[in-house]
N, C-alpha and C. Protein backbone atom coordinates (compact mmCIF):
# COMPACT_ATOMS: atom_id res chain seq x y z
N UNK A 1 0.81 -1.23 -0.03
CA UNK A 1 0.00 0.01 -0.01
C UNK A 1 0.86 1.26 -0.01
N UNK A 2 1.94 1.20 0.77
CA UNK A 2 2.82 2.38 0.86
C UNK A 2 3.47 2.63 -0.50
N UNK A 3 3.81 1.62 -1.24
CA UNK A 3 4.45 1.69 -2.49
C UNK A 3 3.63 2.57 -3.50
N UNK A 4 2.20 2.18 -3.50
CA UNK A 4 1.39 2.87 -4.38
C UNK A 4 1.21 4.31 -3.99
N UNK A 5 1.17 4.57 -2.54
CA UNK A 5 1.08 5.86 -2.22
C UNK A 5 2.24 6.76 -2.70
N UNK A 6 3.54 6.22 -2.60
CA UNK A 6 4.68 6.94 -3.03
C UNK A 6 4.61 7.26 -4.51
N UNK A 7 4.13 6.13 -5.32
CA UNK A 7 4.10 6.30 -6.70
C UNK A 7 3.08 7.42 -7.14
N UNK A 8 1.85 7.45 -6.42
CA UNK A 8 0.85 8.34 -6.68
C UNK A 8 1.35 9.73 -6.34
N UNK A 9 2.08 9.97 -5.24
CA UNK A 9 2.67 11.12 -4.77
C UNK A 9 3.65 11.70 -5.84
N UNK A 10 4.52 10.76 -6.36
CA UNK A 10 5.48 11.21 -7.36
C UNK A 10 4.82 11.66 -8.78
N UNK A 11 3.74 10.97 -9.01
CA UNK A 11 2.97 11.35 -10.28
C UNK A 11 2.23 12.70 -10.08
N UNK A 12 1.73 12.89 -8.88
CA UNK A 12 1.09 14.22 -8.67
C UNK A 12 2.11 15.35 -8.70
N UNK A 13 3.26 15.09 -8.07
CA UNK A 13 4.35 16.08 -8.06
C UNK A 13 4.82 16.47 -9.50
N UNK A 14 4.99 15.37 -10.34
CA UNK A 14 5.44 15.52 -11.69
C UNK A 14 4.33 16.31 -12.52
N UNK A 15 3.11 16.11 -12.28
CA UNK A 15 1.97 16.77 -12.97
C UNK A 15 1.96 18.25 -12.54
N UNK A 16 2.28 18.55 -11.31
CA UNK A 16 2.22 19.90 -10.78
C UNK A 16 3.43 20.64 -11.46
N UNK A 17 4.62 20.03 -11.45
CA UNK A 17 5.78 20.61 -12.04
C UNK A 17 5.58 20.91 -13.65
N UNK A 18 5.04 19.90 -14.27
CA UNK A 18 4.68 20.15 -15.71
C UNK A 18 3.69 21.23 -15.92
N UNK A 19 2.69 21.36 -15.14
CA UNK A 19 1.64 22.41 -15.14
C UNK A 19 2.32 23.84 -14.90
N UNK A 20 3.16 23.90 -13.94
CA UNK A 20 3.81 25.27 -13.64
C UNK A 20 4.76 25.59 -14.68
N UNK A 21 5.42 24.60 -15.19
CA UNK A 21 6.40 24.83 -16.37
C UNK A 21 5.60 25.37 -17.55
N UNK A 22 4.49 24.83 -17.89
CA UNK A 22 3.67 25.38 -19.05
C UNK A 22 3.13 26.77 -18.72
N UNK A 23 2.70 27.02 -17.45
CA UNK A 23 2.23 28.36 -17.14
C UNK A 23 3.24 29.35 -17.33
N UNK A 24 4.53 28.99 -16.75
CA UNK A 24 5.60 29.97 -16.89
C UNK A 24 6.05 30.24 -18.25
N UNK A 25 6.05 29.21 -19.11
CA UNK A 25 6.40 29.37 -20.51
C UNK A 25 5.34 30.19 -21.20
N UNK A 26 3.97 29.93 -20.94
CA UNK A 26 2.90 30.82 -21.50
C UNK A 26 3.03 32.26 -21.09
N UNK A 27 3.33 32.54 -19.86
CA UNK A 27 3.56 33.99 -19.47
C UNK A 27 4.76 34.53 -20.17
N UNK A 28 5.80 33.80 -20.32
CA UNK A 28 6.98 34.37 -21.06
C UNK A 28 6.62 34.65 -22.53
N UNK A 29 5.87 33.74 -23.11
CA UNK A 29 5.43 33.95 -24.53
C UNK A 29 4.56 35.22 -24.60
N UNK A 30 3.67 35.46 -23.71
CA UNK A 30 2.75 36.51 -23.70
C UNK A 30 3.57 37.90 -23.62
N UNK A 31 4.55 37.89 -22.62
CA UNK A 31 5.42 39.05 -22.42
C UNK A 31 6.27 39.24 -23.68
N UNK A 32 6.77 38.23 -24.28
CA UNK A 32 7.63 38.41 -25.47
C UNK A 32 6.76 38.96 -26.62
N UNK A 33 5.61 38.50 -26.78
CA UNK A 33 4.64 39.00 -27.79
C UNK A 33 4.39 40.47 -27.64
N UNK A 34 4.08 40.94 -26.35
CA UNK A 34 3.82 42.27 -26.04
C UNK A 34 4.99 43.05 -26.40
N UNK A 35 6.29 42.68 -25.98
CA UNK A 35 7.46 43.46 -26.19
C UNK A 35 7.69 43.54 -27.76
N UNK A 36 7.49 42.38 -28.46
CA UNK A 36 7.71 42.38 -29.85
C UNK A 36 6.77 43.34 -30.57
N UNK A 37 5.50 43.51 -30.11
CA UNK A 37 4.59 44.44 -30.70
C UNK A 37 4.97 45.80 -30.39
N UNK A 38 5.42 46.13 -29.21
CA UNK A 38 5.82 47.40 -28.79
C UNK A 38 7.09 47.88 -29.70
N UNK A 39 8.01 46.92 -29.85
CA UNK A 39 9.19 47.31 -30.55
C UNK A 39 8.86 47.52 -32.03
N UNK A 40 7.88 46.73 -32.56
CA UNK A 40 7.51 46.89 -33.96
C UNK A 40 6.79 48.26 -34.06
N UNK A 41 5.90 48.70 -33.20
CA UNK A 41 5.31 49.97 -33.26
C UNK A 41 6.29 51.07 -33.13
N UNK A 42 7.33 50.89 -32.35
CA UNK A 42 8.43 51.97 -32.25
C UNK A 42 9.24 52.08 -33.51
N UNK A 43 9.51 50.89 -33.98
CA UNK A 43 10.25 50.97 -35.33
C UNK A 43 9.46 51.62 -36.47
N UNK A 44 8.15 51.23 -36.47
CA UNK A 44 7.29 51.91 -37.43
C UNK A 44 7.15 53.46 -37.23
N UNK A 45 7.20 53.92 -36.04
CA UNK A 45 7.13 55.34 -35.67
C UNK A 45 8.49 56.00 -36.06
N UNK A 46 9.57 55.36 -35.85
CA UNK A 46 10.84 55.86 -36.30
C UNK A 46 10.93 56.00 -37.86
N UNK A 47 10.46 54.93 -38.43
CA UNK A 47 10.48 54.87 -39.92
C UNK A 47 9.60 55.97 -40.52
N UNK A 48 8.43 56.21 -39.86
CA UNK A 48 7.50 57.35 -40.36
C UNK A 48 8.25 58.73 -40.11
N UNK A 49 8.83 58.88 -38.92
CA UNK A 49 9.56 60.17 -38.69
C UNK A 49 10.56 60.39 -39.74
N UNK A 50 11.32 59.34 -40.05
CA UNK A 50 12.39 59.41 -40.90
C UNK A 50 11.93 59.80 -42.36
N UNK A 51 10.85 59.21 -42.72
CA UNK A 51 10.25 59.58 -44.05
C UNK A 51 9.74 60.98 -44.08
N UNK A 52 9.12 61.46 -42.98
CA UNK A 52 8.57 62.85 -42.90
C UNK A 52 9.63 63.91 -43.01
N UNK A 53 10.76 63.61 -42.51
CA UNK A 53 11.99 64.50 -42.43
C UNK A 53 12.47 64.87 -43.90
N UNK A 54 12.36 63.97 -44.74
CA UNK A 54 12.74 64.16 -46.21
C UNK A 54 11.66 65.02 -46.84
């Protein structure tokens, strides 16, 4: 009985670690997408300003 309890506990811990890993990766992807969008808008603004100067 104790062996099954340890196996079940290890499986639960593994699932929690996998879940947290995916959540952290998801948050990093969202932050990266936001920063990529901001940098794209900044580059567009710089390009427009550069075109207006001519």
